[in-house]
Amino acid sequence: RHEQNKLYRAASRLKDAVREDQVVEVLFDSARDIMKWDFAAFTTFDRGRRAHTIAYAEGRDAEDLRGLVFSSNEGLVSQAVKIGHALPWKGEYDPQTQIIFTKRIRLKDLRSLYVIPVIAGEKALGTAVLAARRAGAFNVEKSRLLQVIVDQSAVAFQNARSLQAREKMASTDVLTGLFNRRVLLEALGRKFQSAQRHGRSLSI
């Protein structure tokens, strides 16, 4: 029942998440509810460019990693996307022999690691990376629960991405990428209302 409550809370919050960052926030919070992680990251995968991006990261050295783009390689993130299965085996991490993102990035003082592919519709969108300083942080039960939450998050993330794309199409010109007439009229409407409300003049 305790496990079901955790999954229910995660599902309820994901239902209300309409932006990509909101989905990731729920994912990180739900994962923290299952196990105490010291580092978490969410990577996205561009299949056309064969490139990964660390879109979100929290914990030690997280600020230096956000926005980092790297090509597919032999690291655990790339391999998890490629095979569609969580890595490494038993969640044990050895920084001397294992690469998470690239060889240039070394996360210190971590002994447990779990890289879970984020898959929606049989298509890998990226990965959820969770790590802890203590050994044995990921047992079979915790790994199973994390996998379920990541699977739920994958669908929510795909929906948020699709919604964002539709909103962009509705507000920008396809050729130039500039805001279209609809956005201009909405902005003008807000400015006129504000001018009337505060008794101020308005010029264009």
Protein backbone atom coordinates (compact mmCIF):
# COMPACT_ATOMS: atom_id res chain seq x y z
CA ARG A 1 0.00 0.00 0.00
CA HIS A 2 2.88 2.34 0.81
CA GLU A 3 4.38 1.77 -2.66
CA GLN A 4 1.01 2.27 -4.33
CA ASN A 5 0.58 5.59 -2.54
CA LYS A 6 3.93 6.81 -3.85
CA LEU A 7 3.05 5.83 -7.40
CA TYR A 8 -0.41 7.38 -7.08
CA ARG A 9 1.07 10.69 -5.88
CA ALA A 10 3.51 10.72 -8.76
CA ALA A 11 0.77 9.95 -11.31
CA SER A 12 -1.49 12.67 -9.86
CA ARG A 13 1.24 15.31 -10.10
CA LEU A 14 2.28 14.24 -13.59
CA LYS A 15 -1.31 14.66 -14.75
CA ASP A 16 -1.07 18.37 -13.95
CA ALA A 17 2.42 18.86 -15.43
CA VAL A 18 2.08 20.59 -18.81
CA ARG A 19 5.67 21.79 -19.29
CA GLU A 20 8.82 19.74 -19.69
CA ASP A 21 10.47 21.28 -16.61
CA GLN A 22 7.38 20.49 -14.52
CA VAL A 23 7.53 16.83 -15.57
CA VAL A 24 11.21 16.61 -14.63
CA GLU A 25 10.54 18.30 -11.29
CA VAL A 26 7.87 15.70 -10.46
CA LEU A 27 10.21 12.92 -11.58
CA PHE A 28 13.06 14.11 -9.34
CA ASP A 29 10.74 14.66 -6.36
CA SER A 30 9.11 11.25 -6.78
CA ALA A 31 12.51 9.57 -7.07
CA ARG A 32 13.61 11.32 -3.86
CA ASP A 33 10.51 9.90 -2.20
CA ILE A 34 11.80 6.40 -3.02
CA MET A 35 15.51 6.83 -2.32
CA LYS A 36 17.79 9.64 -1.18
CA TRP A 37 19.80 10.67 -4.23
CA ASP A 38 22.72 13.08 -4.21
CA PHE A 39 22.76 13.81 -7.94
CA ALA A 40 20.02 13.71 -10.57
CA ALA A 41 19.97 14.61 -14.25
CA PHE A 42 17.57 14.38 -17.15
CA THR A 43 19.03 14.06 -20.63
CA THR A 44 17.26 14.43 -23.96
CA PHE A 45 18.23 12.62 -27.15
CA ASP A 46 18.19 14.06 -30.67
CA ARG A 47 17.95 11.03 -32.94
CA GLY A 48 18.74 12.98 -36.11
CA ARG A 49 21.96 14.49 -34.76
CA ARG A 50 22.78 11.45 -32.60
CA ALA A 51 23.37 13.89 -29.76
CA HIS A 52 22.47 13.98 -26.06
CA THR A 53 21.77 17.10 -23.99
CA ILE A 54 21.85 17.37 -20.20
CA ALA A 55 18.63 19.35 -20.06
CA TYR A 56 18.18 19.36 -16.27
CA ALA A 57 20.50 18.54 -13.37
CA GLU A 58 20.41 18.87 -9.58
CA GLY A 59 23.02 18.18 -6.93
CA ARG A 60 26.76 18.58 -6.80
CA ASP A 61 28.34 20.15 -9.91
CA ALA A 62 24.88 20.29 -11.52
CA GLU A 63 25.14 23.92 -12.65
CA ASP A 64 28.25 23.16 -14.72
CA LEU A 65 26.47 20.33 -16.53
CA ARG A 66 23.15 21.92 -17.53
CA GLY A 67 22.93 22.49 -21.25
CA LEU A 68 25.94 20.31 -22.08
CA VAL A 69 25.64 18.56 -25.46
CA PHE A 70 27.61 15.42 -26.31
CA SER A 71 27.57 12.86 -29.12
CA SER A 72 26.61 9.22 -28.74
CA ASN A 73 29.53 7.30 -27.22
CA GLU A 74 30.32 4.34 -24.97
CA GLY A 75 29.00 6.09 -21.86
CA LEU A 76 26.13 4.70 -19.80
CA VAL A 77 23.67 7.37 -20.97
CA SER A 78 24.30 6.58 -24.64
CA GLN A 79 24.21 2.85 -24.04
CA ALA A 80 20.96 3.01 -22.03
CA VAL A 81 19.30 4.89 -24.92
CA LYS A 82 20.71 2.43 -27.43
CA ILE A 83 19.62 -0.79 -25.70
CA GLY A 84 16.50 0.60 -23.99
CA HIS A 85 17.48 -0.85 -20.62
CA ALA A 86 18.60 0.64 -17.29
CA LEU A 87 22.34 0.60 -16.50
CA PRO A 88 24.66 -0.28 -14.80
CA TRP A 89 24.03 -3.77 -13.52
CA LYS A 90 22.86 -3.72 -9.86
CA GLY A 91 23.26 0.07 -9.75
CA GLU A 92 26.92 -0.07 -8.76
CA TYR A 93 29.17 2.74 -9.98
CA ASP A 94 32.94 2.76 -10.39
CA PRO A 95 34.18 6.17 -11.62
CA GLN A 96 37.51 4.65 -12.65
CA THR A 97 36.01 2.27 -15.20
CA GLN A 98 32.54 3.64 -16.02
CA ILE A 99 31.57 6.73 -18.00
CA ILE A 100 28.21 8.38 -17.36
CA PHE A 101 28.08 11.19 -19.92
CA THR A 102 31.56 11.66 -21.45
CA LYS A 103 35.14 10.94 -20.43
CA ARG A 104 35.61 14.61 -19.60
CA ILE A 105 32.91 14.56 -16.93
CA ARG A 106 33.80 12.80 -13.69
CA LEU A 107 31.27 12.86 -10.86
CA LYS A 108 33.21 12.40 -7.63
CA ASP A 109 32.31 10.55 -4.44
CA LEU A 110 29.42 8.61 -6.00
CA ARG A 111 29.14 4.87 -5.44
CA SER A 112 25.61 4.10 -6.66
CA LEU A 113 24.18 4.97 -10.05
CA TYR A 114 21.08 4.21 -12.08
CA VAL A 115 20.61 5.42 -15.67
CA ILE A 116 17.05 4.74 -16.84
CA PRO A 117 16.02 5.26 -20.47
CA VAL A 118 12.97 7.50 -20.89
CA ILE A 119 10.90 5.72 -23.54
CA ALA A 120 7.55 6.79 -25.01
CA GLY A 121 5.97 4.85 -27.85
CA GLU A 122 9.04 2.62 -28.24
CA LYS A 123 11.14 5.74 -28.86
CA ALA A 124 13.89 6.85 -26.46
CA LEU A 125 13.46 10.51 -25.51
CA GLY A 126 16.50 10.52 -23.24
CA THR A 127 17.45 9.23 -19.79
CA ALA A 128 16.88 9.84 -16.09
CA VAL A 129 20.17 9.67 -14.16
CA LEU A 130 20.13 9.15 -10.39
CA ALA A 131 23.22 8.73 -8.20
CA ALA A 132 24.09 8.47 -4.51
CA ARG A 133 27.26 8.66 -2.46
CA ARG A 134 26.47 5.53 -0.47
CA ALA A 135 26.88 2.04 -1.88
CA GLY A 136 23.86 -0.21 -2.44
CA ALA A 137 21.39 2.65 -2.81
CA PHE A 138 19.45 0.84 -5.54
CA ASN A 139 18.02 -2.48 -4.50
CA VAL A 140 15.64 -4.51 -6.66
CA GLU A 141 12.50 -3.01 -5.12
CA LYS A 142 13.63 0.61 -5.42
CA SER A 143 14.82 0.05 -8.98
CA ARG A 144 11.44 -1.38 -9.93
CA LEU A 145 9.56 1.59 -8.46
CA LEU A 146 11.89 4.08 -10.15
CA GLN A 147 11.36 2.35 -13.48
CA VAL A 148 7.57 2.66 -13.12
CA ILE A 149 7.81 6.39 -12.30
CA VAL A 150 10.18 7.03 -15.21
CA ASP A 151 7.78 5.20 -17.55
CA GLN A 152 4.92 7.41 -16.34
CA SER A 153 7.09 10.50 -16.73
CA ALA A 154 8.05 9.54 -20.29
CA VAL A 155 4.45 9.82 -21.48
CA ALA A 156 3.95 13.11 -19.62
CA PHE A 157 7.20 14.50 -21.06
CA GLN A 158 6.20 13.54 -24.60
CA ASN A 159 2.81 15.20 -24.12
CA ALA A 160 4.43 18.37 -22.73
CA ARG A 161 6.85 18.47 -25.67
CA SER A 162 4.00 18.08 -28.18
CA LEU A 163 1.98 20.83 -26.46
CA GLN A 164 4.97 23.16 -26.53
CA ALA A 165 5.49 22.49 -30.24
CA ARG A 166 1.82 23.23 -30.99
CA GLU A 167 1.95 26.45 -29.01
CA LYS A 168 5.04 27.54 -30.91
CA MET A 169 3.39 26.77 -34.26
CA ALA A 170 0.36 28.80 -33.24
CA SER A 171 2.38 31.86 -32.24
CA THR A 172 5.32 32.04 -34.67
CA ASP A 173 5.86 32.33 -38.40
CA VAL A 174 7.22 29.07 -39.80
CA LEU A 175 9.61 30.77 -42.25
CA THR A 176 11.15 33.47 -40.05
CA GLY A 177 10.54 32.18 -36.53
CA LEU A 178 9.17 35.62 -35.58
CA PHE A 179 5.99 36.15 -33.58
CA ASN A 180 2.91 36.27 -35.81
CA ARG A 181 -0.03 38.70 -36.08
CA ARG A 182 -2.05 36.80 -33.47
CA VAL A 183 0.60 37.33 -30.81
CA LEU A 184 0.90 41.01 -31.75
CA LEU A 185 -2.85 41.58 -31.40
CA GLU A 186 -2.94 39.80 -28.03
CA ALA A 187 -0.02 41.91 -26.78
CA LEU A 188 -1.69 45.11 -28.04
CA GLY A 189 -4.90 44.14 -26.29
CA ARG A 190 -3.10 43.71 -22.98
CA LYS A 191 -1.31 47.04 -23.38
CA PHE A 192 -4.55 48.91 -24.23
CA GLN A 193 -6.31 47.40 -21.22
CA SER A 194 -3.40 48.33 -18.95
CA ALA A 195 -3.36 51.92 -20.31
CA GLN A 196 -7.11 52.29 -19.76
CA ARG A 197 -6.95 50.78 -16.27
CA HIS A 198 -4.18 53.15 -15.14
CA GLY A 199 -5.41 56.18 -17.12
CA ARG A 200 -2.23 56.43 -19.17
CA SER A 201 -1.67 57.33 -22.82
CA LEU A 202 -0.33 54.78 -25.25
CA SER A 203 1.63 55.23 -28.46
CA ILE A 204 2.86 52.83 -31.14
